[in-house]
Amino acid sequence: MISGEPVSAGSFAEVSEADGNLLIGSGKAVVALTAKKPAPVEVTEQAQPAPASAKPARKAKAVTSELPTKD
């Protein structure tokens, strides 16, 4: 019994801090580890996906040919 309510052995129950301390202190209960629930996600108007950007064109290499000059 927890706060006047029947509770089955091995079940999970959410209790006040005072009741929890009493039950844990007397060896009748243990703290259950729980995973945090993810925050609710608000659904809004769907945005259009951004278009895939084209790769920029490669720069042409500057080809210079220096010819030896005769002085």
Protein backbone atom coordinates (compact mmCIF):
# COMPACT_ATOMS: atom_id res chain seq x y z
CA MET A 1 0.00 0.00 0.00
CA ILE A 2 1.24 3.47 -0.92
CA SER A 3 -0.77 6.40 0.41
CA GLY A 4 -3.74 4.07 0.94
CA GLU A 5 -3.61 2.66 -2.62
CA PRO A 6 -2.74 -1.00 -3.31
CA VAL A 7 0.42 -1.45 -5.40
CA SER A 8 1.68 -4.77 -6.76
CA ALA A 9 5.20 -5.88 -5.91
CA GLY A 10 7.59 -5.21 -8.79
CA SER A 11 5.44 -2.48 -10.31
CA PHE A 12 6.39 1.15 -10.87
CA ALA A 13 4.65 3.94 -9.00
CA GLU A 14 5.17 7.67 -8.89
CA VAL A 15 5.00 8.87 -5.30
CA SER A 16 5.65 12.01 -3.33
CA GLU A 17 9.19 12.71 -2.19
CA ALA A 18 8.23 12.01 1.43
CA ASP A 19 6.64 8.63 0.58
CA GLY A 20 9.58 7.75 -1.64
CA ASN A 21 12.09 8.52 1.11
CA LEU A 22 10.09 6.41 3.59
CA LEU A 23 9.79 3.44 1.21
CA ILE A 24 13.42 3.56 0.11
CA GLY A 25 14.63 4.01 3.71
CA SER A 26 12.66 0.95 4.85
CA GLY A 27 13.98 -1.16 1.95
CA LYS A 28 10.54 -1.52 0.39
CA ALA A 29 11.39 0.40 -2.80
CA VAL A 30 14.25 1.48 -5.04
CA VAL A 31 14.61 4.47 -7.34
CA ALA A 32 13.81 3.54 -10.93
CA LEU A 33 16.05 5.07 -13.58
CA THR A 34 13.99 6.49 -16.40
CA ALA A 35 14.97 7.93 -19.73
CA LYS A 36 13.99 11.52 -20.33
CA LYS A 37 11.15 11.93 -22.75
CA PRO A 38 12.09 14.08 -25.74
CA ALA A 39 10.55 17.51 -25.80
CA PRO A 40 7.45 17.70 -27.98
CA VAL A 41 8.09 18.99 -31.46
CA GLU A 42 5.78 21.65 -32.81
CA VAL A 43 4.75 20.93 -36.38
CA THR A 44 4.80 24.02 -38.54
CA GLU A 45 4.37 24.72 -42.22
CA GLN A 46 6.84 22.67 -44.19
CA ALA A 47 9.46 24.70 -45.96
CA GLN A 48 10.51 23.80 -49.45
CA PRO A 49 13.91 22.10 -49.49
CA ALA A 50 16.72 24.29 -50.75
CA PRO A 51 17.73 23.41 -54.31
CA ALA A 52 21.00 21.56 -54.62
CA SER A 53 23.68 24.01 -55.52
CA ALA A 54 25.70 23.29 -58.62
CA LYS A 55 29.41 22.87 -58.19
CA PRO A 56 31.28 26.00 -59.15
CA ALA A 57 33.07 25.77 -62.47
CA ARG A 58 36.76 25.10 -62.25
CA LYS A 59 39.01 27.95 -63.01
CA ALA A 60 41.09 27.44 -66.10
CA LYS A 61 44.76 27.35 -65.36
CA ALA A 62 46.60 30.30 -66.79
CA VAL A 63 49.15 29.02 -69.22
CA THR A 64 51.96 31.36 -69.95
CA SER A 65 54.91 30.50 -72.02
CA GLU A 66 57.86 32.71 -71.67
CA LEU A 67 60.17 32.43 -74.59
CA PRO A 68 63.75 33.27 -73.98
CA THR A 69 64.61 36.55 -75.59
CA LYS A 70 67.94 37.28 -77.17
CA ASP A 71 69.40 40.57 -76.08
